[in-house]
Amino acid sequence: MRIERDPNGDFILESGELAGRFGLSGEEFRRKIRQGLVASSVERGEGEDAGTCRLSVRIGNRMWRAILTTEGEVGNESVAVLRGRPLPRP
């Protein structure tokens, strides 16, 4: 996956590539963005991880994560299905 940065330092991801990670078409993915169903975050590494970043994109119970190296390359990426909290017993 190719990840770029804009002049402000924000990350730019290709929506079609990211859609594929979730098993969606590009149009389905863009529709979910318009509906407010896609959440993302960036965490910057500290200490021995300084210079790296973890990008996370979540749709429902699925999350894509990528670790960017100090050179800005994708070092590792994964898609996971997140488990919800168990319901309280009556």
PDB file of N, CA and C in Angstrom:
ATOM      1  N   MET A   1       0.847  -1.179   0.000  1.00  0.00           N
ATOM      2  CA  MET A   1       0.000   0.000   0.000  1.00  0.00           C
ATOM      3  C   MET A   1       0.888   1.236   0.000  1.00  0.00           C
ATOM      4  N   ARG A   2       0.484   2.203  -0.775  1.00  0.00           N
ATOM      5  CA  ARG A   2       1.226   3.455  -0.855  1.00  0.00           C
ATOM      6  C   ARG A   2       0.583   4.493   0.050  1.00  0.00           C
ATOM      7  N   ILE A   3       1.380   5.083   0.912  1.00  0.00           N
ATOM      8  CA  ILE A   3       0.896   6.109   1.831  1.00  0.00           C
ATOM      9  C   ILE A   3       1.750   7.351   1.624  1.00  0.00           C
ATOM     10  N   GLU A   4       1.096   8.463   1.367  1.00  0.00           N
ATOM     11  CA  GLU A   4       1.795   9.728   1.140  1.00  0.00           C
ATOM     12  C   GLU A   4       1.456  10.698   2.259  1.00  0.00           C
ATOM     13  N   ARG A   5       2.155  11.831   2.259  1.00  0.00           N
ATOM     14  CA  ARG A   5       1.878  12.899   3.229  1.00  0.00           C
ATOM     15  C   ARG A   5       1.596  14.170   2.452  1.00  0.00           C
ATOM     16  N   ASP A   6       0.634  14.955   2.927  1.00  0.00           N
ATOM     17  CA  ASP A   6       0.361  16.236   2.286  1.00  0.00           C
ATOM     18  C   ASP A   6       1.286  17.297   2.886  1.00  0.00           C
ATOM     19  N   PRO A   7       1.243  18.526   2.376  1.00  0.00           N
ATOM     20  CA  PRO A   7       2.146  19.577   2.882  1.00  0.00           C
ATOM     21  C   PRO A   7       2.003  19.849   4.390  1.00  0.00           C
ATOM     22  N   ASN A   8       0.839  19.524   4.967  1.00  0.00           N
ATOM     23  CA  ASN A   8       0.635  19.719   6.406  1.00  0.00           C
ATOM     24  C   ASN A   8       1.145  18.540   7.230  1.00  0.00           C
ATOM     25  N   GLY A   9       1.595  17.468   6.547  1.00  0.00           N
ATOM     26  CA  GLY A   9       2.071  16.287   7.261  1.00  0.00           C
ATOM     27  C   GLY A   9       0.997  15.246   7.499  1.00  0.00           C
ATOM     28  N   ASP A  10      -0.240  15.506   7.020  1.00  0.00           N
ATOM     29  CA  ASP A  10      -1.317  14.527   7.178  1.00  0.00           C
ATOM     30  C   ASP A  10      -1.101  13.370   6.212  1.00  0.00           C
ATOM     31  N   PHE A  11      -1.562  12.189   6.600  1.00  0.00           N
ATOM     32  CA  PHE A  11      -1.401  11.000   5.780  1.00  0.00           C
ATOM     33  C   PHE A  11      -2.498  10.937   4.721  1.00  0.00           C
ATOM     34  N   ILE A  12      -2.126  10.496   3.523  1.00  0.00           N
ATOM     35  CA  ILE A  12      -3.063  10.334   2.417  1.00  0.00           C
ATOM     36  C   ILE A  12      -2.996   8.873   1.993  1.00  0.00           C
ATOM     37  N   LEU A  13      -4.142   8.183   2.082  1.00  0.00           N
ATOM     38  CA  LEU A  13      -4.220   6.780   1.696  1.00  0.00           C
ATOM     39  C   LEU A  13      -5.123   6.656   0.488  1.00  0.00           C
ATOM     40  N   GLU A  14      -4.807   5.751  -0.401  1.00  0.00           N
ATOM     41  CA  GLU A  14      -5.616   5.494  -1.578  1.00  0.00           C
ATOM     42  C   GLU A  14      -6.885   4.754  -1.142  1.00  0.00           C
ATOM     43  N   SER A  15      -8.053   5.372  -1.365  1.00  0.00           N
ATOM     44  CA  SER A  15      -9.305   4.791  -0.871  1.00  0.00           C
ATOM     45  C   SER A  15      -9.590   3.432  -1.485  1.00  0.00           C
ATOM     46  N   GLY A  16      -9.259   3.237  -2.760  1.00  0.00           N
ATOM     47  CA  GLY A  16      -9.503   1.946  -3.393  1.00  0.00           C
ATOM     48  C   GLY A  16      -8.687   0.826  -2.768  1.00  0.00           C
ATOM     49  N   GLU A  17      -7.430   1.111  -2.455  1.00  0.00           N
ATOM     50  CA  GLU A  17      -6.582   0.107  -1.808  1.00  0.00           C
ATOM     51  C   GLU A  17      -7.094  -0.209  -0.414  1.00  0.00           C
ATOM     52  N   LEU A  18      -7.451   0.829   0.328  1.00  0.00           N
ATOM     53  CA  LEU A  18      -7.947   0.615   1.684  1.00  0.00           C
ATOM     54  C   LEU A  18      -9.284  -0.119   1.663  1.00  0.00           C
ATOM     55  N   ALA A  19     -10.147   0.216   0.717  1.00  0.00           N
ATOM     56  CA  ALA A  19     -11.434  -0.480   0.572  1.00  0.00           C
ATOM     57  C   ALA A  19     -11.204  -1.973   0.402  1.00  0.00           C
ATOM     58  N   GLY A  20     -10.217  -2.328  -0.417  1.00  0.00           N
ATOM     59  CA  GLY A  20      -9.915  -3.734  -0.641  1.00  0.00           C
ATOM     60  C   GLY A  20      -9.506  -4.463   0.620  1.00  0.00           C
ATOM     61  N   ARG A  21      -8.827  -3.767   1.516  1.00  0.00           N
ATOM     62  CA  ARG A  21      -8.421  -4.396   2.787  1.00  0.00           C
ATOM     63  C   ARG A  21      -9.648  -4.808   3.601  1.00  0.00           C
ATOM     64  N   PHE A  22     -10.750  -4.070   3.427  1.00  0.00           N
ATOM     65  CA  PHE A  22     -11.989  -4.366   4.148  1.00  0.00           C
ATOM     66  C   PHE A  22     -12.953  -5.226   3.323  1.00  0.00           C
ATOM     67  N   GLY A  23     -12.537  -5.614   2.114  1.00  0.00           N
ATOM     68  CA  GLY A  23     -13.408  -6.411   1.255  1.00  0.00           C
ATOM     69  C   GLY A  23     -14.553  -5.605   0.663  1.00  0.00           C
ATOM     70  N   LEU A  24     -14.347  -4.293   0.496  1.00  0.00           N
ATOM     71  CA  LEU A  24     -15.381  -3.411  -0.034  1.00  0.00           C
ATOM     72  C   LEU A  24     -14.948  -2.858  -1.388  1.00  0.00           C
ATOM     73  N   SER A  25     -15.923  -2.451  -2.188  1.00  0.00           N
ATOM     74  CA  SER A  25     -15.593  -1.728  -3.411  1.00  0.00           C
ATOM     75  C   SER A  25     -15.234  -0.303  -3.017  1.00  0.00           C
ATOM     76  N   GLY A  26     -14.597   0.420  -3.918  1.00  0.00           N
ATOM     77  CA  GLY A  26     -14.260   1.814  -3.651  1.00  0.00           C
ATOM     78  C   GLY A  26     -15.493   2.644  -3.357  1.00  0.00           C
ATOM     79  N   GLU A  27     -16.571   2.415  -4.107  1.00  0.00           N
ATOM     80  CA  GLU A  27     -17.809   3.179  -3.890  1.00  0.00           C
ATOM     81  C   GLU A  27     -18.441   2.857  -2.537  1.00  0.00           C
ATOM     82  N   GLU A  28     -18.443   1.575  -2.139  1.00  0.00           N
ATOM     83  CA  GLU A  28     -18.985   1.205  -0.822  1.00  0.00           C
ATOM     84  C   GLU A  28     -18.191   1.890   0.284  1.00  0.00           C
ATOM     85  N   PHE A  29     -16.867   1.900   0.126  1.00  0.00           N
ATOM     86  CA  PHE A  29     -16.008   2.517   1.128  1.00  0.00           C
ATOM     87  C   PHE A  29     -16.281   4.018   1.229  1.00  0.00           C
ATOM     88  N   ARG A  30     -16.365   4.705   0.087  1.00  0.00           N
ATOM     89  CA  ARG A  30     -16.649   6.148   0.096  1.00  0.00           C
ATOM     90  C   ARG A  30     -18.027   6.439   0.682  1.00  0.00           C
ATOM     91  N   ARG A  31     -18.997   5.555   0.438  1.00  0.00           N
ATOM     92  CA  ARG A  31     -20.331   5.741   1.019  1.00  0.00           C
ATOM     93  C   ARG A  31     -20.259   5.648   2.548  1.00  0.00           C
ATOM     94  N   LYS A  32     -19.496   4.702   3.049  1.00  0.00           N
ATOM     95  CA  LYS A  32     -19.348   4.572   4.509  1.00  0.00           C
ATOM     96  C   LYS A  32     -18.666   5.800   5.104  1.00  0.00           C
ATOM     97  N   ILE A  33     -17.712   6.377   4.369  1.00  0.00           N
ATOM     98  CA  ILE A  33     -17.068   7.613   4.834  1.00  0.00           C
ATOM     99  C   ILE A  33     -18.115   8.722   4.924  1.00  0.00           C
ATOM    100  N   ARG A  34     -18.915   8.896   3.867  1.00  0.00           N
ATOM    101  CA  ARG A  34     -19.955   9.946   3.860  1.00  0.00           C
ATOM    102  C   ARG A  34     -20.969   9.751   4.982  1.00  0.00           C
ATOM    103  N   GLN A  35     -21.242   8.492   5.328  1.00  0.00           N
ATOM    104  CA  GLN A  35     -22.196   8.187   6.399  1.00  0.00           C
ATOM    105  C   GLN A  35     -21.582   8.333   7.788  1.00  0.00           C
ATOM    106  N   GLY A  36     -20.298   8.625   7.860  1.00  0.00           N
ATOM    107  CA  GLY A  36     -19.632   8.785   9.151  1.00  0.00           C
ATOM    108  C   GLY A  36     -19.305   7.473   9.833  1.00  0.00           C
ATOM    109  N   LEU A  37     -19.212   6.386   9.069  1.00  0.00           N
ATOM    110  CA  LEU A  37     -18.985   5.060   9.639  1.00  0.00           C
ATOM    111  C   LEU A  37     -17.514   4.645   9.648  1.00  0.00           C
ATOM    112  N   VAL A  38     -16.641   5.520   9.159  1.00  0.00           N
ATOM    113  CA  VAL A  38     -15.211   5.214   9.107  1.00  0.00           C
ATOM    114  C   VAL A  38     -14.493   6.137  10.091  1.00  0.00           C
ATOM    115  N   ALA A  39     -13.739   5.539  10.993  1.00  0.00           N
ATOM    116  CA  ALA A  39     -12.968   6.311  11.973  1.00  0.00           C
ATOM    117  C   ALA A  39     -11.489   5.991  11.781  1.00  0.00           C
ATOM    118  N   SER A  40     -10.645   6.991  11.969  1.00  0.00           N
ATOM    119  CA  SER A  40      -9.212   6.751  11.810  1.00  0.00           C
ATOM    120  C   SER A  40      -8.440   7.455  12.924  1.00  0.00           C
ATOM    121  N   SER A  41      -7.226   6.955  13.146  1.00  0.00           N
ATOM    122  CA  SER A  41      -6.358   7.597  14.138  1.00  0.00           C
ATOM    123  C   SER A  41      -4.902   7.381  13.741  1.00  0.00           C
ATOM    124  N   VAL A  42      -4.051   8.255  14.264  1.00  0.00           N
ATOM    125  CA  VAL A  42      -2.604   8.169  14.052  1.00  0.00           C
ATOM    126  C   VAL A  42      -1.953   8.238  15.421  1.00  0.00           C
ATOM    127  N   GLU A  43      -1.067   7.290  15.692  1.00  0.00           N
ATOM    128  CA  GLU A  43      -0.296   7.300  16.928  1.00  0.00           C
ATOM    129  C   GLU A  43       1.171   7.399  16.548  1.00  0.00           C
ATOM    130  N   ARG A  44       1.863   8.314  17.148  1.00  0.00           N
ATOM    131  CA  ARG A  44       3.286   8.512  16.860  1.00  0.00           C
ATOM    132  C   ARG A  44       4.114   7.774  17.913  1.00  0.00           C
ATOM    133  N   GLY A  45       5.128   7.069  17.429  1.00  0.00           N
ATOM    134  CA  GLY A  45       5.978   6.296  18.325  1.00  0.00           C
ATOM    135  C   GLY A  45       6.803   7.190  19.236  1.00  0.00           C
ATOM    136  N   GLU A  46       7.086   6.675  20.417  1.00  0.00           N
ATOM    137  CA  GLU A  46       7.898   7.391  21.399  1.00  0.00           C
ATOM    138  C   GLU A  46       9.030   6.482  21.859  1.00  0.00           C
ATOM    139  N   GLY A  47      10.039   7.065  22.469  1.00  0.00           N
ATOM    140  CA  GLY A  47      11.160   6.286  22.988  1.00  0.00           C
ATOM    141  C   GLY A  47      11.857   5.534  21.879  1.00  0.00           C
ATOM    142  N   GLU A  48      12.008   4.223  22.054  1.00  0.00           N
ATOM    143  CA  GLU A  48      12.697   3.420  21.032  1.00  0.00           C
ATOM    144  C   GLU A  48      11.901   3.329  19.733  1.00  0.00           C
ATOM    145  N   ASP A  49      10.615   3.677  19.752  1.00  0.00           N
ATOM    146  CA  ASP A  49       9.779   3.677  18.541  1.00  0.00           C
ATOM    147  C   ASP A  49       9.663   5.058  17.911  1.00  0.00           C
ATOM    148  N   ALA A  50      10.422   6.014  18.384  1.00  0.00           N
ATOM    149  CA  ALA A  50      10.362   7.376  17.843  1.00  0.00           C
ATOM    150  C   ALA A  50      10.602   7.361  16.339  1.00  0.00           C
ATOM    151  N   GLY A  51       9.817   8.126  15.621  1.00  0.00           N
ATOM    152  CA  GLY A  51       9.934   8.196  14.165  1.00  0.00           C
ATOM    153  C   GLY A  51       8.999   7.267  13.429  1.00  0.00           C
ATOM    154  N   THR A  52       8.373   6.334  14.150  1.00  0.00           N
ATOM    155  CA  THR A  52       7.404   5.434  13.535  1.00  0.00           C
ATOM    156  C   THR A  52       5.994   5.949  13.811  1.00  0.00           C
ATOM    157  N   CYS A  53       5.035   5.454  13.059  1.00  0.00           N
ATOM    158  CA  CYS A  53       3.632   5.812  13.262  1.00  0.00           C
ATOM    159  C   CYS A  53       2.774   4.572  13.111  1.00  0.00           C
ATOM    160  N   ARG A  54       1.672   4.528  13.852  1.00  0.00           N
ATOM    161  CA  ARG A  54       0.677   3.475  13.669  1.00  0.00           C
ATOM    162  C   ARG A  54      -0.595   4.142  13.170  1.00  0.00           C
ATOM    163  N   LEU A  55      -1.035   3.745  11.980  1.00  0.00           N
ATOM    164  CA  LEU A  55      -2.273   4.249  11.408  1.00  0.00           C
ATOM    165  C   LEU A  55      -3.347   3.200  11.626  1.00  0.00           C
ATOM    166  N   SER A  56      -4.524   3.619  12.065  1.00  0.00           N
ATOM    167  CA  SER A  56      -5.640   2.706  12.282  1.00  0.00           C
ATOM    168  C   SER A  56      -6.873   3.266  11.601  1.00  0.00           C
ATOM    169  N   VAL A  57      -7.606   2.393  10.911  1.00  0.00           N
ATOM    170  CA  VAL A  57      -8.875   2.749  10.293  1.00  0.00           C
ATOM    171  C   VAL A  57      -9.882   1.698  10.726  1.00  0.00           C
ATOM    172  N   ARG A  58     -11.021   2.160  11.236  1.00  0.00           N
ATOM    173  CA  ARG A  58     -12.039   1.238  11.757  1.00  0.00           C
ATOM    174  C   ARG A  58     -13.362   1.458  11.049  1.00  0.00           C
ATOM    175  N   ILE A  59     -13.981   0.339  10.666  1.00  0.00           N
ATOM    176  CA  ILE A  59     -15.333   0.327  10.122  1.00  0.00           C
ATOM    177  C   ILE A  59     -16.079  -0.753  10.894  1.00  0.00           C
ATOM    178  N   GLY A  60     -17.047  -0.347  11.702  1.00  0.00           N
ATOM    179  CA  GLY A  60     -17.790  -1.328  12.498  1.00  0.00           C
ATOM    180  C   GLY A  60     -16.852  -2.080  13.416  1.00  0.00           C
ATOM    181  N   ASN A  61     -16.870  -3.408  13.299  1.00  0.00           N
ATOM    182  CA  ASN A  61     -16.027  -4.226  14.175  1.00  0.00           C
ATOM    183  C   ASN A  61     -14.730  -4.662  13.493  1.00  0.00           C
ATOM    184  N   ARG A  62     -14.389  -4.034  12.366  1.00  0.00           N
ATOM    185  CA  ARG A  62     -13.157  -4.376  11.652  1.00  0.00           C
ATOM    186  C   ARG A  62     -12.169  -3.213  11.719  1.00  0.00           C
ATOM    187  N   MET A  63     -10.897  -3.564  11.917  1.00  0.00           N
ATOM    188  CA  MET A  63      -9.871  -2.531  12.003  1.00  0.00           C
ATOM    189  C   MET A  63      -8.663  -2.920  11.160  1.00  0.00           C
ATOM    190  N   TRP A  64      -8.223  -1.958  10.334  1.00  0.00           N
ATOM    191  CA  TRP A  64      -6.975  -2.090   9.579  1.00  0.00           C
ATOM    192  C   TRP A  64      -5.941  -1.264  10.307  1.00  0.00           C
ATOM    193  N   ARG A  65      -4.743  -1.835  10.461  1.00  0.00           N
ATOM    194  CA  ARG A  65      -3.642  -1.109  11.100  1.00  0.00           C
ATOM    195  C   ARG A  65      -2.384  -1.274  10.274  1.00  0.00           C
ATOM    196  N   ALA A  66      -1.608  -0.210  10.211  1.00  0.00           N
ATOM    197  CA  ALA A  66      -0.309  -0.250   9.537  1.00  0.00           C
ATOM    198  C   ALA A  66       0.707   0.446  10.415  1.00  0.00           C
ATOM    199  N   ILE A  67       1.873  -0.150  10.516  1.00  0.00           N
ATOM    200  CA  ILE A  67       2.996   0.459  11.210  1.00  0.00           C
ATOM    201  C   ILE A  67       3.926   1.013  10.139  1.00  0.00           C
ATOM    202  N   LEU A  68       4.180   2.317  10.206  1.00  0.00           N
ATOM    203  CA  LEU A  68       5.091   2.946   9.257  1.00  0.00           C
ATOM    204  C   LEU A  68       6.471   3.037   9.885  1.00  0.00           C
ATOM    205  N   THR A  69       7.481   2.687   9.108  1.00  0.00           N
ATOM    206  CA  THR A  69       8.861   2.754   9.571  1.00  0.00           C
ATOM    207  C   THR A  69       9.312   4.214   9.634  1.00  0.00           C
ATOM    208  N   THR A  70      10.505   4.428  10.126  1.00  0.00           N
ATOM    209  CA  THR A  70      11.055   5.785  10.191  1.00  0.00           C
ATOM    210  C   THR A  70      11.233   6.381   8.799  1.00  0.00           C
ATOM    211  N   GLU A  71      11.303   5.529   7.761  1.00  0.00           N
ATOM    212  CA  GLU A  71      11.411   6.004   6.378  1.00  0.00           C
ATOM    213  C   GLU A  71      10.044   6.245   5.752  1.00  0.00           C
ATOM    214  N   GLY A  72       8.958   5.990   6.497  1.00  0.00           N
ATOM    215  CA  GLY A  72       7.608   6.192   5.982  1.00  0.00           C
ATOM    216  C   GLY A  72       7.060   5.036   5.175  1.00  0.00           C
ATOM    217  N   GLU A  73       7.749   3.900   5.180  1.00  0.00           N
ATOM    218  CA  GLU A  73       7.292   2.702   4.469  1.00  0.00           C
ATOM    219  C   GLU A  73       6.388   1.876   5.382  1.00  0.00           C
ATOM    220  N   VAL A  74       5.459   1.128   4.779  1.00  0.00           N
ATOM    221  CA  VAL A  74       4.620   0.226   5.563  1.00  0.00           C
ATOM    222  C   VAL A  74       5.472  -0.967   5.952  1.00  0.00           C
ATOM    223  N   GLY A  75       5.737  -1.085   7.244  1.00  0.00           N
ATOM    224  CA  GLY A  75       6.543  -2.187   7.749  1.00  0.00           C
ATOM    225  C   GLY A  75       5.704  -3.399   8.078  1.00  0.00           C
ATOM    226  N   ASN A  76       4.468  -3.164   8.469  1.00  0.00           N
ATOM    227  CA  ASN A  76       3.577  -4.237   8.893  1.00  0.00           C
ATOM    228  C   ASN A  76       2.154  -3.719   8.774  1.00  0.00           C
ATOM    229  N   GLU A  77       1.244  -4.558   8.320  1.00  0.00           N
ATOM    230  CA  GLU A  77      -0.163  -4.175   8.304  1.00  0.00           C
ATOM    231  C   GLU A  77      -1.015  -5.392   8.588  1.00  0.00           C
ATOM    232  N   SER A  78      -2.201  -5.148   9.138  1.00  0.00           N
ATOM    233  CA  SER A  78      -3.111  -6.241   9.453  1.00  0.00           C
ATOM    234  C   SER A  78      -4.548  -5.730   9.470  1.00  0.00           C
ATOM    235  N   VAL A  79      -5.466  -6.660   9.287  1.00  0.00           N
ATOM    236  CA  VAL A  79      -6.898  -6.383   9.444  1.00  0.00           C
ATOM    237  C   VAL A  79      -7.394  -7.353  10.490  1.00  0.00           C
ATOM    238  N   ALA A  80      -8.137  -6.845  11.461  1.00  0.00           N
ATOM    239  CA  ALA A  80      -8.635  -7.693  12.540  1.00  0.00           C
ATOM    240  C   ALA A  80     -10.122  -7.449  12.750  1.00  0.00           C
ATOM    241  N   VAL A  81     -10.798  -8.481  13.217  1.00  0.00           N
ATOM    242  CA  VAL A  81     -12.184  -8.351  13.653  1.00  0.00           C
ATOM    243  C   VAL A  81     -12.136  -8.180  15.161  1.00  0.00           C
ATOM    244  N   LEU A  82     -12.707  -7.086  15.624  1.00  0.00           N
ATOM    245  CA  LEU A  82     -12.671  -6.765  17.045  1.00  0.00           C
ATOM    246  C   LEU A  82     -13.847  -7.396  17.753  1.00  0.00           C
ATOM    247  N   ARG A  83     -13.599  -7.875  18.916  1.00  0.00           N
ATOM    248  CA  ARG A  83     -14.665  -8.466  19.722  1.00  0.00           C
ATOM    249  C   ARG A  83     -15.296  -7.395  20.579  1.00  0.00           C
ATOM    250  N   GLY A  84     -16.595  -7.508  20.738  1.00  0.00           N
ATOM    251  CA  GLY A  84     -17.296  -6.579  21.621  1.00  0.00           C
ATOM    252  C   GLY A  84     -17.178  -7.033  23.062  1.00  0.00           C
ATOM    253  N   ARG A  85     -17.624  -6.183  23.938  1.00  0.00           N
ATOM    254  CA  ARG A  85     -17.634  -6.559  25.354  1.00  0.00           C
ATOM    255  C   ARG A  85     -18.750  -7.552  25.603  1.00  0.00           C
ATOM    256  N   PRO A  86     -18.517  -8.540  26.456  1.00  0.00           N
ATOM    257  CA  PRO A  86     -19.584  -9.483  26.749  1.00  0.00           C
ATOM    258  C   PRO A  86     -20.767  -8.767  27.426  1.00  0.00           C
ATOM    259  N   LEU A  87     -21.955  -9.241  27.135  1.00  0.00           N
ATOM    260  CA  LEU A  87     -23.142  -8.671  27.755  1.00  0.00           C
ATOM    261  C   LEU A  87     -23.199  -9.064  29.219  1.00  0.00           C
ATOM    262  N   PRO A  88     -23.660  -8.162  30.095  1.00  0.00           N
ATOM    263  CA  PRO A  88     -23.764  -8.519  31.516  1.00  0.00           C
ATOM    264  C   PRO A  88     -24.829  -9.580  31.708  1.00  0.00           C
ATOM    265  N   ARG A  89     -24.586 -10.445  32.633  1.00  0.00           N
ATOM    266  CA  ARG A  89     -25.560 -11.504  32.931  1.00  0.00           C
ATOM    267  C   ARG A  89     -26.644 -10.951  33.853  1.00  0.00           C
ATOM    268  N   PRO A  90     -27.879 -11.373  33.624  1.00  0.00           N
ATOM    269  CA  PRO A  90     -28.989 -10.885  34.488  1.00  0.00           C
ATOM    270  C   PRO A  90     -28.908 -11.407  35.890  1.00  0.00           C
TER     271      PRO A  90
END
